[in-house]
Amino acid sequence: MEWLVLVGRLLFAVLFLGSGAGHLTQTQMMAGYAQSKGVPWARASVLGSGVLIVVGALMVLLGVWADLGALLLVVFLVPTAVLMHGFWGITDPQSRQMEQTQFLKDLALAGAALMLFAFFATSPDLGLTLTDPLFDGLFD
């Protein structure tokens, strides 16, 4: 079962590692998009969120305080859903549908990250991690 959990962590983390790399290597383009969505301090927000998701994804993938890593991903995903994918303010049906899909994807990933947090913080079978969870025993 340990290997199955490890593969699941890899599959989950790869999305965030790719996205984080994009934040850090295509900062100017992403900052322009973020600015068009009304994100304050767009460049700093893109760089900060890039670091946040890379660190969170690596923590989940490597099993280094993976519970904290999962929470870092939630901290990225929920505001991103609201700030970047506010479908409720779009009148064009095609654009609205696209943003609604992205909004719901981010919320679904946030839910998965919360489940990972609970799993890591409470399960004895963590799937080949480098450290114990940071929040170990908090929910006993």
C-alpha atoms as a PDB file:
ATOM      1  CA  MET A   1       0.000   0.000   0.000  1.00  0.00           C
ATOM      2  CA  GLU A   2       2.950   2.342   0.650  1.00  0.00           C
ATOM      3  CA  TRP A   3       3.830   2.356  -3.057  1.00  0.00           C
ATOM      4  CA  LEU A   4       0.273   3.151  -4.057  1.00  0.00           C
ATOM      5  CA  VAL A   5       0.246   6.175  -1.740  1.00  0.00           C
ATOM      6  CA  LEU A   6       3.607   7.274  -3.132  1.00  0.00           C
ATOM      7  CA  VAL A   7       2.351   7.035  -6.728  1.00  0.00           C
ATOM      8  CA  GLY A   8      -0.762   8.990  -5.736  1.00  0.00           C
ATOM      9  CA  ARG A   9       1.400  11.707  -4.201  1.00  0.00           C
ATOM     10  CA  LEU A  10       3.475  11.866  -7.378  1.00  0.00           C
ATOM     11  CA  LEU A  11       0.416  12.159  -9.613  1.00  0.00           C
ATOM     12  CA  PHE A  12      -1.057  14.849  -7.367  1.00  0.00           C
ATOM     13  CA  ALA A  13       2.172  16.866  -7.093  1.00  0.00           C
ATOM     14  CA  VAL A  14       3.074  16.904 -10.799  1.00  0.00           C
ATOM     15  CA  LEU A  15       0.296  19.398 -11.627  1.00  0.00           C
ATOM     16  CA  PHE A  16       1.518  21.850  -8.997  1.00  0.00           C
ATOM     17  CA  LEU A  17       5.192  21.448  -9.884  1.00  0.00           C
ATOM     18  CA  GLY A  18       4.425  22.300 -13.504  1.00  0.00           C
ATOM     19  CA  SER A  19       2.241  25.228 -12.560  1.00  0.00           C
ATOM     20  CA  GLY A  20       4.780  26.525 -10.053  1.00  0.00           C
ATOM     21  CA  ALA A  21       7.547  26.289 -12.646  1.00  0.00           C
ATOM     22  CA  GLY A  22       5.358  28.366 -14.966  1.00  0.00           C
ATOM     23  CA  HIS A  23       4.858  30.973 -12.262  1.00  0.00           C
ATOM     24  CA  LEU A  24       8.610  31.247 -11.754  1.00  0.00           C
ATOM     25  CA  THR A  25       9.728  31.139 -15.408  1.00  0.00           C
ATOM     26  CA  GLN A  26       6.895  33.045 -17.110  1.00  0.00           C
ATOM     27  CA  THR A  27       6.384  35.609 -14.382  1.00  0.00           C
ATOM     28  CA  GLN A  28       5.867  38.639 -16.610  1.00  0.00           C
ATOM     29  CA  MET A  29       3.173  36.997 -18.735  1.00  0.00           C
ATOM     30  CA  MET A  30       1.387  35.542 -15.719  1.00  0.00           C
ATOM     31  CA  ALA A  31       1.617  38.846 -13.847  1.00  0.00           C
ATOM     32  CA  GLY A  32      -0.064  40.595 -16.772  1.00  0.00           C
ATOM     33  CA  TYR A  33      -2.888  38.089 -16.678  1.00  0.00           C
ATOM     34  CA  ALA A  34      -3.191  38.370 -12.889  1.00  0.00           C
ATOM     35  CA  GLN A  35      -3.239  42.167 -13.176  1.00  0.00           C
ATOM     36  CA  SER A  36      -6.048  41.954 -15.754  1.00  0.00           C
ATOM     37  CA  LYS A  37      -8.028  39.966 -13.148  1.00  0.00           C
ATOM     38  CA  GLY A  38      -7.494  42.690 -10.547  1.00  0.00           C
ATOM     39  CA  VAL A  39      -4.946  40.837  -8.413  1.00  0.00           C
ATOM     40  CA  PRO A  40      -3.046  43.344  -6.268  1.00  0.00           C
ATOM     41  CA  TRP A  41       0.763  43.340  -6.537  1.00  0.00           C
ATOM     42  CA  ALA A  42       0.482  41.003  -9.517  1.00  0.00           C
ATOM     43  CA  ARG A  43       4.188  40.287 -10.033  1.00  0.00           C
ATOM     44  CA  ALA A  44       4.849  39.657  -6.338  1.00  0.00           C
ATOM     45  CA  SER A  45       1.677  37.562  -6.133  1.00  0.00           C
ATOM     46  CA  VAL A  46       2.758  35.405  -9.074  1.00  0.00           C
ATOM     47  CA  LEU A  47       6.247  34.888  -7.662  1.00  0.00           C
ATOM     48  CA  GLY A  48       4.959  34.233  -4.139  1.00  0.00           C
ATOM     49  CA  SER A  49       2.299  31.803  -5.293  1.00  0.00           C
ATOM     50  CA  GLY A  50       4.856  30.041  -7.491  1.00  0.00           C
ATOM     51  CA  VAL A  51       7.137  29.466  -4.522  1.00  0.00           C
ATOM     52  CA  LEU A  52       4.155  28.447  -2.369  1.00  0.00           C
ATOM     53  CA  ILE A  53       2.940  25.753  -4.744  1.00  0.00           C
ATOM     54  CA  VAL A  54       6.401  24.396  -5.568  1.00  0.00           C
ATOM     55  CA  VAL A  55       7.242  24.091  -1.873  1.00  0.00           C
ATOM     56  CA  GLY A  56       3.839  22.574  -1.055  1.00  0.00           C
ATOM     57  CA  ALA A  57       4.041  20.096  -3.930  1.00  0.00           C
ATOM     58  CA  LEU A  58       7.583  19.037  -3.036  1.00  0.00           C
ATOM     59  CA  MET A  59       6.581  18.548   0.592  1.00  0.00           C
ATOM     60  CA  VAL A  60       3.675  16.300  -0.454  1.00  0.00           C
ATOM     61  CA  LEU A  61       5.749  14.436  -3.031  1.00  0.00           C
ATOM     62  CA  LEU A  62       8.794  13.826  -0.840  1.00  0.00           C
ATOM     63  CA  GLY A  63       6.851  13.308   2.361  1.00  0.00           C
ATOM     64  CA  VAL A  64       8.567  16.111   4.246  1.00  0.00           C
ATOM     65  CA  TRP A  65       5.859  17.404   6.563  1.00  0.00           C
ATOM     66  CA  ALA A  66       3.443  16.425   3.812  1.00  0.00           C
ATOM     67  CA  ASP A  67       0.486  17.532   5.931  1.00  0.00           C
ATOM     68  CA  LEU A  68       1.818  21.105   5.946  1.00  0.00           C
ATOM     69  CA  GLY A  69       2.539  20.850   2.223  1.00  0.00           C
ATOM     70  CA  ALA A  70      -1.081  19.908   1.573  1.00  0.00           C
ATOM     71  CA  LEU A  71      -2.242  22.937   3.597  1.00  0.00           C
ATOM     72  CA  LEU A  72       0.060  25.215   1.582  1.00  0.00           C
ATOM     73  CA  LEU A  73      -1.642  24.005  -1.576  1.00  0.00           C
ATOM     74  CA  VAL A  74      -5.061  24.800  -0.075  1.00  0.00           C
ATOM     75  CA  VAL A  75      -3.796  28.305   0.774  1.00  0.00           C
ATOM     76  CA  PHE A  76      -2.943  28.725  -2.916  1.00  0.00           C
ATOM     77  CA  LEU A  77      -6.023  27.072  -4.425  1.00  0.00           C
ATOM     78  CA  VAL A  78      -8.930  28.742  -2.624  1.00  0.00           C
ATOM     79  CA  PRO A  79      -7.908  32.378  -3.227  1.00  0.00           C
ATOM     80  CA  THR A  80      -6.891  31.496  -6.784  1.00  0.00           C
ATOM     81  CA  ALA A  81     -10.333  30.065  -7.469  1.00  0.00           C
ATOM     82  CA  VAL A  82     -12.011  33.240  -6.251  1.00  0.00           C
ATOM     83  CA  LEU A  83      -9.599  35.861  -7.588  1.00  0.00           C
ATOM     84  CA  MET A  84      -8.690  34.346 -10.938  1.00  0.00           C
ATOM     85  CA  HIS A  85     -11.811  32.416 -11.926  1.00  0.00           C
ATOM     86  CA  GLY A  86     -14.752  34.564 -10.835  1.00  0.00           C
ATOM     87  CA  PHE A  87     -17.175  33.193 -13.411  1.00  0.00           C
ATOM     88  CA  TRP A  88     -20.132  34.958 -11.765  1.00  0.00           C
ATOM     89  CA  GLY A  89     -19.005  38.295 -13.224  1.00  0.00           C
ATOM     90  CA  ILE A  90     -18.679  37.135 -16.845  1.00  0.00           C
ATOM     91  CA  THR A  91     -21.448  37.586 -19.386  1.00  0.00           C
ATOM     92  CA  ASP A  92     -19.980  35.754 -22.397  1.00  0.00           C
ATOM     93  CA  PRO A  93     -21.354  32.183 -22.087  1.00  0.00           C
ATOM     94  CA  GLN A  94     -18.215  30.458 -23.413  1.00  0.00           C
ATOM     95  CA  SER A  95     -15.843  32.455 -21.198  1.00  0.00           C
ATOM     96  CA  ARG A  96     -18.155  31.996 -18.231  1.00  0.00           C
ATOM     97  CA  GLN A  97     -18.186  28.215 -18.726  1.00  0.00           C
ATOM     98  CA  MET A  98     -14.394  28.099 -19.004  1.00  0.00           C
ATOM     99  CA  GLU A  99     -13.911  30.127 -15.821  1.00  0.00           C
ATOM    100  CA  GLN A 100     -16.537  28.097 -13.962  1.00  0.00           C
ATOM    101  CA  THR A 101     -14.705  24.906 -14.919  1.00  0.00           C
ATOM    102  CA  GLN A 102     -11.402  26.335 -13.651  1.00  0.00           C
ATOM    103  CA  PHE A 103     -13.081  27.578 -10.464  1.00  0.00           C
ATOM    104  CA  LEU A 104     -14.574  24.163  -9.739  1.00  0.00           C
ATOM    105  CA  LYS A 105     -11.266  22.423 -10.589  1.00  0.00           C
ATOM    106  CA  ASP A 106      -9.444  24.589  -8.066  1.00  0.00           C
ATOM    107  CA  LEU A 107     -12.063  23.878  -5.403  1.00  0.00           C
ATOM    108  CA  ALA A 108     -11.915  20.140  -6.126  1.00  0.00           C
ATOM    109  CA  LEU A 109      -8.124  20.185  -5.827  1.00  0.00           C
ATOM    110  CA  ALA A 110      -8.430  22.145  -2.573  1.00  0.00           C
ATOM    111  CA  GLY A 111     -10.782  19.441  -1.288  1.00  0.00           C
ATOM    112  CA  ALA A 112      -8.317  16.743  -2.301  1.00  0.00           C
ATOM    113  CA  ALA A 113      -5.499  18.647  -0.582  1.00  0.00           C
ATOM    114  CA  LEU A 114      -7.599  18.896   2.598  1.00  0.00           C
ATOM    115  CA  MET A 115      -8.175  15.142   2.469  1.00  0.00           C
ATOM    116  CA  LEU A 116      -4.430  14.631   2.038  1.00  0.00           C
ATOM    117  CA  PHE A 117      -3.830  16.848   5.042  1.00  0.00           C
ATOM    118  CA  ALA A 118      -6.208  14.735   7.136  1.00  0.00           C
ATOM    119  CA  PHE A 119      -4.653  11.525   5.825  1.00  0.00           C
ATOM    120  CA  PHE A 120      -1.103  12.612   6.589  1.00  0.00           C
ATOM    121  CA  ALA A 121      -2.002  14.041   9.996  1.00  0.00           C
ATOM    122  CA  THR A 122      -3.851  10.924  11.170  1.00  0.00           C
ATOM    123  CA  SER A 123      -2.722   7.838   9.242  1.00  0.00           C
ATOM    124  CA  PRO A 124       0.061   5.522  10.361  1.00  0.00           C
ATOM    125  CA  ASP A 125       0.612   4.356   6.739  1.00  0.00           C
ATOM    126  CA  LEU A 126       2.036   7.453   5.080  1.00  0.00           C
ATOM    127  CA  GLY A 127       3.525   5.833   2.025  1.00  0.00           C
ATOM    128  CA  LEU A 128       7.303   6.183   2.253  1.00  0.00           C
ATOM    129  CA  THR A 129       7.754   9.655   3.700  1.00  0.00           C
ATOM    130  CA  LEU A 130      11.002  11.317   4.780  1.00  0.00           C
ATOM    131  CA  THR A 131       9.530  12.833   7.964  1.00  0.00           C
ATOM    132  CA  ASP A 132       6.603  12.313  10.239  1.00  0.00           C
ATOM    133  CA  PRO A 133       3.739  14.786   9.809  1.00  0.00           C
ATOM    134  CA  LEU A 134       4.101  18.167  11.458  1.00  0.00           C
ATOM    135  CA  PHE A 135       0.550  17.959  12.863  1.00  0.00           C
ATOM    136  CA  ASP A 136       0.982  14.352  14.070  1.00  0.00           C
ATOM    137  CA  GLY A 137      -1.156  13.707  17.131  1.00  0.00           C
ATOM    138  CA  LEU A 138      -3.018  17.009  16.869  1.00  0.00           C
ATOM    139  CA  PHE A 139      -6.267  15.220  16.049  1.00  0.00           C
ATOM    140  CA  ASP A 140      -6.047  12.316  18.508  1.00  0.00           C
END
